[in-house]
Amino acid sequence: MKRLHIHVGVDDLDRSIGFYSTLFGAEPTLTRDDYAKWMLDDPRVNFAISSGNAHKGVEHLGIQVEDAQELGEVFARLKAADRPLVEEGQTTCCYARSEKSWIADPQGVMWEAFLTTGESTVYGDTPDLAALSPGAADGACCAPALTPDAPRCCA
């Protein structure tokens, strides 16, 4: 079963953790100094927040899958969308090891399709995604910035 992924940049991580914990009726499943994530079943979503980046608000969206077959299905849909696609493959991002691909919708909203394969003690790597969106610039981690001066972050 697939899970929607949403990543939001925040100014105050502790205050935002309090807000989202109240909203979701649950504490985060993972918390770091600059990051928190909720793996919710109702609604079925991987919701992550991070601080320390220039962009605030929704950074990127994604579809998290549970196995390689689902990843293949979603990847086939990305290819069928007839947009530039970056196959990142195996990577470390947001304190997790994953296999992922990236695409931008016609407005430049970044989407990732990914399979998480394990945990990591480091935040992660930065893929080269400039070909996907005119605003994608080098930045801190994982997803491209939607504006040239905003760094990346991820889920």
Protein backbone atom coordinates (compact mmCIF):
# COMPACT_ATOMS: atom_id res chain seq x y z
CA MET A 1 0.00 0.00 0.00
CA LYS A 2 1.35 3.39 -0.97
CA ARG A 3 1.65 6.34 1.39
CA LEU A 4 1.45 10.05 0.51
CA HIS A 5 4.54 12.01 1.57
CA ILE A 6 4.49 15.71 2.45
CA HIS A 7 7.54 17.70 3.58
CA VAL A 8 7.19 21.16 5.13
CA GLY A 9 9.93 23.65 6.01
CA VAL A 10 9.36 25.36 9.38
CA ASP A 11 10.84 28.27 11.36
CA ASP A 12 10.48 26.80 14.85
CA LEU A 13 10.83 23.01 14.97
CA ASP A 14 9.74 22.56 18.61
CA ARG A 15 6.65 24.74 18.18
CA SER A 16 5.77 22.95 14.94
CA ILE A 17 6.23 19.52 16.56
CA GLY A 18 3.76 20.61 19.24
CA PHE A 19 1.27 21.83 16.65
CA TYR A 20 1.44 18.77 14.39
CA SER A 21 1.44 16.34 17.33
CA THR A 22 -1.80 17.94 18.49
CA LEU A 23 -3.25 18.01 14.97
CA PHE A 24 -2.41 14.35 14.30
CA GLY A 25 -3.09 13.14 17.86
CA ALA A 26 0.35 11.46 17.83
CA GLU A 27 3.97 12.18 18.64
CA PRO A 28 6.56 12.01 15.83
CA THR A 29 7.96 8.58 14.99
CA LEU A 30 11.38 10.16 14.41
CA THR A 31 12.83 13.36 15.87
CA ARG A 32 16.26 14.94 15.29
CA ASP A 33 17.62 18.42 16.06
CA ASP A 34 16.51 19.69 12.64
CA TYR A 35 13.81 17.19 11.61
CA ALA A 36 10.66 15.34 12.69
CA LYS A 37 8.53 12.74 10.91
CA TRP A 38 5.13 11.19 11.54
CA MET A 39 4.25 7.87 9.86
CA LEU A 40 0.47 8.06 10.11
CA ASP A 41 -2.09 5.44 9.16
CA ASP A 42 -5.14 7.72 9.33
CA PRO A 43 -4.67 9.45 6.99
CA ARG A 44 -1.97 7.21 5.49
CA VAL A 45 0.81 9.77 5.14
CA ASN A 46 4.53 10.22 5.80
CA PHE A 47 4.52 13.81 7.07
CA ALA A 48 7.91 15.44 7.72
CA ILE A 49 9.06 18.87 8.87
CA SER A 50 12.52 20.40 9.00
CA SER A 51 14.17 23.62 10.06
CA GLY A 52 17.37 25.30 9.01
CA ASN A 53 16.45 25.85 5.37
CA ALA A 54 15.37 29.02 3.60
CA HIS A 55 12.11 27.68 2.16
CA LYS A 56 9.15 27.59 4.54
CA GLY A 57 5.93 25.79 3.75
CA VAL A 58 5.45 22.79 1.47
CA GLU A 59 8.86 21.81 0.03
CA HIS A 60 7.94 18.72 -1.94
CA LEU A 61 5.44 15.89 -2.18
CA GLY A 62 5.96 12.22 -2.76
CA ILE A 63 4.68 8.69 -2.92
CA GLN A 64 6.31 6.23 -0.54
CA VAL A 65 5.96 2.57 -1.46
CA GLU A 66 6.37 -0.60 0.59
CA ASP A 67 8.23 -2.83 -1.87
CA ALA A 68 10.20 -2.93 -5.10
CA GLN A 69 7.16 -3.95 -7.17
CA GLU A 70 5.20 -0.89 -6.08
CA LEU A 71 8.24 1.29 -6.76
CA GLY A 72 8.36 -0.11 -10.30
CA GLU A 73 4.66 0.66 -10.79
CA VAL A 74 5.00 4.25 -9.61
CA PHE A 75 8.21 4.73 -11.61
CA ALA A 76 6.37 3.55 -14.75
CA ARG A 77 3.73 6.23 -14.09
CA LEU A 78 6.42 8.87 -13.70
CA LYS A 79 7.94 7.86 -17.04
CA ALA A 80 4.48 7.94 -18.67
CA ALA A 81 3.97 11.52 -17.45
CA ASP A 82 6.37 12.64 -20.21
CA ARG A 83 8.34 15.06 -18.04
CA PRO A 84 12.06 15.13 -17.25
CA LEU A 85 12.87 12.46 -14.68
CA VAL A 86 15.86 11.94 -12.40
CA GLU A 87 16.51 8.36 -11.31
CA GLU A 88 18.48 8.94 -8.12
CA GLY A 89 18.66 5.26 -7.23
CA GLN A 90 20.09 4.25 -3.84
CA THR A 91 20.64 7.26 -1.59
CA THR A 92 20.63 8.54 1.96
CA CYS A 93 18.10 11.24 2.71
CA CYS A 94 16.38 12.48 5.87
CA TYR A 95 18.05 9.97 8.16
CA ALA A 96 16.95 7.08 5.93
CA ARG A 97 18.38 4.90 3.17
CA SER A 98 16.11 4.89 0.14
CA GLU A 99 15.80 4.23 -3.55
CA LYS A 100 14.10 7.13 -5.30
CA SER A 101 13.28 9.05 -8.44
CA TRP A 102 12.21 12.68 -8.89
CA ILE A 103 9.90 14.57 -11.26
CA ALA A 104 8.40 18.08 -11.35
CA ASP A 105 4.81 18.76 -12.36
CA PRO A 106 4.14 21.41 -15.06
CA GLN A 107 4.15 24.16 -12.39
CA GLY A 108 7.49 23.02 -10.93
CA VAL A 109 6.13 21.24 -7.84
CA MET A 110 8.65 18.53 -6.99
CA TRP A 111 7.50 14.93 -6.47
CA GLU A 112 9.58 11.98 -5.33
CA ALA A 113 8.77 8.28 -5.56
CA PHE A 114 10.72 6.25 -3.02
CA LEU A 115 11.20 3.00 -1.16
CA THR A 116 12.80 3.33 2.28
CA THR A 117 15.23 0.46 2.93
CA GLY A 118 16.67 1.41 6.34
CA GLU A 119 17.72 4.09 8.78
CA SER A 120 20.76 6.36 8.70
CA THR A 121 22.59 8.44 11.29
CA VAL A 122 23.17 11.26 8.75
CA TYR A 123 20.67 13.57 7.08
CA GLY A 124 21.62 12.80 3.49
CA ASP A 125 22.89 13.62 0.03
CA THR A 126 21.95 16.15 -2.63
CA PRO A 127 20.98 14.90 -6.09
CA ASP A 128 21.41 17.05 -9.19
CA LEU A 129 17.81 17.88 -10.10
CA ALA A 130 18.30 21.16 -11.95
CA ALA A 131 16.93 19.64 -15.17
CA LEU A 132 13.52 19.06 -13.56
CA SER A 133 12.53 22.58 -12.65
CA PRO A 134 13.83 26.01 -13.66
CA GLY A 135 14.03 26.96 -9.97
CA ALA A 136 15.98 23.88 -8.89
CA ALA A 137 19.29 25.12 -7.51
CA ASP A 138 22.05 23.55 -5.47
CA GLY A 139 21.13 23.34 -1.81
CA ALA A 140 21.24 21.41 1.43
CA CYS A 141 19.58 18.03 0.82
CA CYS A 142 17.30 15.80 -1.12
CA ALA A 143 14.75 17.87 -3.04
CA PRO A 144 15.37 20.80 -5.35
CA ALA A 145 14.45 24.28 -4.29
CA LEU A 146 11.46 25.81 -6.01
CA THR A 147 13.16 29.20 -6.10
CA PRO A 148 16.79 29.85 -7.07
CA ASP A 149 17.83 31.12 -3.62
CA ALA A 150 16.11 28.44 -1.50
CA PRO A 151 18.05 25.39 -0.33
CA ARG A 152 16.76 21.84 -0.54
CA CYS A 153 15.58 19.58 2.20
CA CYS A 154 13.76 16.28 2.30
CA ALA A 155 11.66 13.58 3.85
